[in-house]
Amino acid sequence: MESRGMEEYEIINLEDHLSLSDIRIKMQTRPGFLTMQKWLVIYNLIVHPRPLSQIAMHTGLSESTVYRIVSDYNRLGPEAFNMIS
């Protein structure tokens, strides 16, 4: 498997599946630390869009994990976080 350069993770678009208030509700009501971290990534991209490297540092996750979370959310919407990962 070819490794990705960090520059590939710098810019990413986020699909508009939920409003900011809906995301806040999900963050407060969904059980589990890992689910909360996933919603925190999405929340960060909406409230303060910046390179994934900075979001990864802010959330304590790797860039590749942040990229996967955003990719899953873009592809599947909020249902992506109801699946076991």
C-alpha atoms as a PDB file:
ATOM      1  CA  MET A   1       0.000   0.000   0.000  1.00  0.00           C
ATOM      2  CA  GLU A   2       1.387   3.362  -1.003  1.00  0.00           C
ATOM      3  CA  SER A   3       1.677   5.886   1.806  1.00  0.00           C
ATOM      4  CA  ARG A   4       0.101   9.268   1.312  1.00  0.00           C
ATOM      5  CA  GLY A   5       2.051  12.461   1.566  1.00  0.00           C
ATOM      6  CA  MET A   6       0.899  14.902   4.214  1.00  0.00           C
ATOM      7  CA  GLU A   7      -0.082  17.419   1.538  1.00  0.00           C
ATOM      8  CA  GLU A   8      -2.901  15.105   0.431  1.00  0.00           C
ATOM      9  CA  TYR A   9      -4.600  15.583   3.789  1.00  0.00           C
ATOM     10  CA  GLU A  10      -4.358  19.348   3.900  1.00  0.00           C
ATOM     11  CA  ILE A  11      -7.515  20.279   1.982  1.00  0.00           C
ATOM     12  CA  ILE A  12     -10.788  18.408   2.198  1.00  0.00           C
ATOM     13  CA  ASN A  13     -14.406  19.383   1.692  1.00  0.00           C
ATOM     14  CA  LEU A  14     -17.131  18.424   4.106  1.00  0.00           C
ATOM     15  CA  GLU A  15     -20.566  17.401   2.859  1.00  0.00           C
ATOM     16  CA  ASP A  16     -23.459  19.335   4.386  1.00  0.00           C
ATOM     17  CA  HIS A  17     -25.339  16.433   6.019  1.00  0.00           C
ATOM     18  CA  LEU A  18     -26.318  18.107   9.313  1.00  0.00           C
ATOM     19  CA  SER A  19     -26.587  21.592  10.776  1.00  0.00           C
ATOM     20  CA  LEU A  20     -24.182  22.757  13.462  1.00  0.00           C
ATOM     21  CA  SER A  21     -26.919  22.510  16.109  1.00  0.00           C
ATOM     22  CA  ASP A  22     -27.684  18.924  15.034  1.00  0.00           C
ATOM     23  CA  ILE A  23     -24.006  18.057  15.350  1.00  0.00           C
ATOM     24  CA  ARG A  24     -23.891  19.564  18.846  1.00  0.00           C
ATOM     25  CA  ILE A  25     -26.888  17.423  19.828  1.00  0.00           C
ATOM     26  CA  LYS A  26     -25.182  14.303  18.441  1.00  0.00           C
ATOM     27  CA  MET A  27     -22.038  15.153  20.418  1.00  0.00           C
ATOM     28  CA  GLN A  28     -24.030  15.442  23.631  1.00  0.00           C
ATOM     29  CA  THR A  29     -26.321  12.456  23.223  1.00  0.00           C
ATOM     30  CA  ARG A  30     -24.295   9.704  21.545  1.00  0.00           C
ATOM     31  CA  PRO A  31     -22.552   7.323  23.928  1.00  0.00           C
ATOM     32  CA  GLY A  32     -18.874   6.484  23.702  1.00  0.00           C
ATOM     33  CA  PHE A  33     -15.629   8.386  23.654  1.00  0.00           C
ATOM     34  CA  LEU A  34     -14.706   7.297  20.115  1.00  0.00           C
ATOM     35  CA  THR A  35     -18.032   8.485  18.732  1.00  0.00           C
ATOM     36  CA  MET A  36     -17.547  11.815  20.500  1.00  0.00           C
ATOM     37  CA  GLN A  37     -14.101  12.185  18.905  1.00  0.00           C
ATOM     38  CA  LYS A  38     -15.558  11.561  15.463  1.00  0.00           C
ATOM     39  CA  TRP A  39     -18.222  14.221  15.963  1.00  0.00           C
ATOM     40  CA  LEU A  40     -15.542  16.562  17.335  1.00  0.00           C
ATOM     41  CA  VAL A  41     -13.623  16.260  14.056  1.00  0.00           C
ATOM     42  CA  ILE A  42     -16.728  17.167  12.048  1.00  0.00           C
ATOM     43  CA  TYR A  43     -17.579  19.998  14.454  1.00  0.00           C
ATOM     44  CA  ASN A  44     -14.060  21.412  14.095  1.00  0.00           C
ATOM     45  CA  LEU A  45     -14.246  21.362  10.314  1.00  0.00           C
ATOM     46  CA  ILE A  46     -17.483  23.337  10.388  1.00  0.00           C
ATOM     47  CA  VAL A  47     -16.675  25.844  13.120  1.00  0.00           C
ATOM     48  CA  HIS A  48     -13.036  26.491  12.249  1.00  0.00           C
ATOM     49  CA  PRO A  49     -12.038  24.970   8.899  1.00  0.00           C
ATOM     50  CA  ARG A  50      -8.308  24.401   8.685  1.00  0.00           C
ATOM     51  CA  PRO A  51      -5.855  21.785   7.440  1.00  0.00           C
ATOM     52  CA  LEU A  52      -6.445  18.251   8.677  1.00  0.00           C
ATOM     53  CA  SER A  53      -3.012  18.275  10.297  1.00  0.00           C
ATOM     54  CA  GLN A  54      -4.177  21.018  12.669  1.00  0.00           C
ATOM     55  CA  ILE A  55      -7.476  19.260  13.401  1.00  0.00           C
ATOM     56  CA  ALA A  56      -5.552  16.051  14.073  1.00  0.00           C
ATOM     57  CA  MET A  57      -3.296  17.866  16.535  1.00  0.00           C
ATOM     58  CA  HIS A  58      -6.289  19.541  18.212  1.00  0.00           C
ATOM     59  CA  THR A  59      -8.237  16.289  18.605  1.00  0.00           C
ATOM     60  CA  GLY A  60      -5.285  14.036  19.445  1.00  0.00           C
ATOM     61  CA  LEU A  61      -5.836  11.829  16.399  1.00  0.00           C
ATOM     62  CA  SER A  62      -3.559  10.986  13.482  1.00  0.00           C
ATOM     63  CA  GLU A  63      -4.045  12.780  10.174  1.00  0.00           C
ATOM     64  CA  SER A  64      -5.001   9.521   8.488  1.00  0.00           C
ATOM     65  CA  THR A  65      -7.682   8.879  11.129  1.00  0.00           C
ATOM     66  CA  VAL A  66      -9.095  12.380  10.686  1.00  0.00           C
ATOM     67  CA  TYR A  67      -9.092  11.874   6.929  1.00  0.00           C
ATOM     68  CA  ARG A  68     -10.923   8.524   7.310  1.00  0.00           C
ATOM     69  CA  ILE A  69     -13.522  10.060   9.650  1.00  0.00           C
ATOM     70  CA  VAL A  70     -14.243  12.892   7.207  1.00  0.00           C
ATOM     71  CA  SER A  71     -14.275  10.532   4.240  1.00  0.00           C
ATOM     72  CA  ASP A  72     -16.737   8.183   5.984  1.00  0.00           C
ATOM     73  CA  TYR A  73     -18.950  11.123   6.982  1.00  0.00           C
ATOM     74  CA  ASN A  74     -18.927  12.518   3.436  1.00  0.00           C
ATOM     75  CA  ARG A  75     -19.793   9.142   1.930  1.00  0.00           C
ATOM     76  CA  LEU A  76     -22.326   7.821   4.467  1.00  0.00           C
ATOM     77  CA  GLY A  77     -23.466  10.866   6.426  1.00  0.00           C
ATOM     78  CA  PRO A  78     -24.197  10.601  10.148  1.00  0.00           C
ATOM     79  CA  GLU A  79     -24.845   6.865   9.769  1.00  0.00           C
ATOM     80  CA  ALA A  80     -21.094   6.376   9.414  1.00  0.00           C
ATOM     81  CA  PHE A  81     -20.733   6.953  13.147  1.00  0.00           C
ATOM     82  CA  ASN A  82     -23.376   4.386  14.056  1.00  0.00           C
ATOM     83  CA  MET A  83     -21.251   1.631  12.542  1.00  0.00           C
ATOM     84  CA  ILE A  84     -18.604  -0.272  14.460  1.00  0.00           C
ATOM     85  CA  SER A  85     -15.133   0.836  13.404  1.00  0.00           C
END
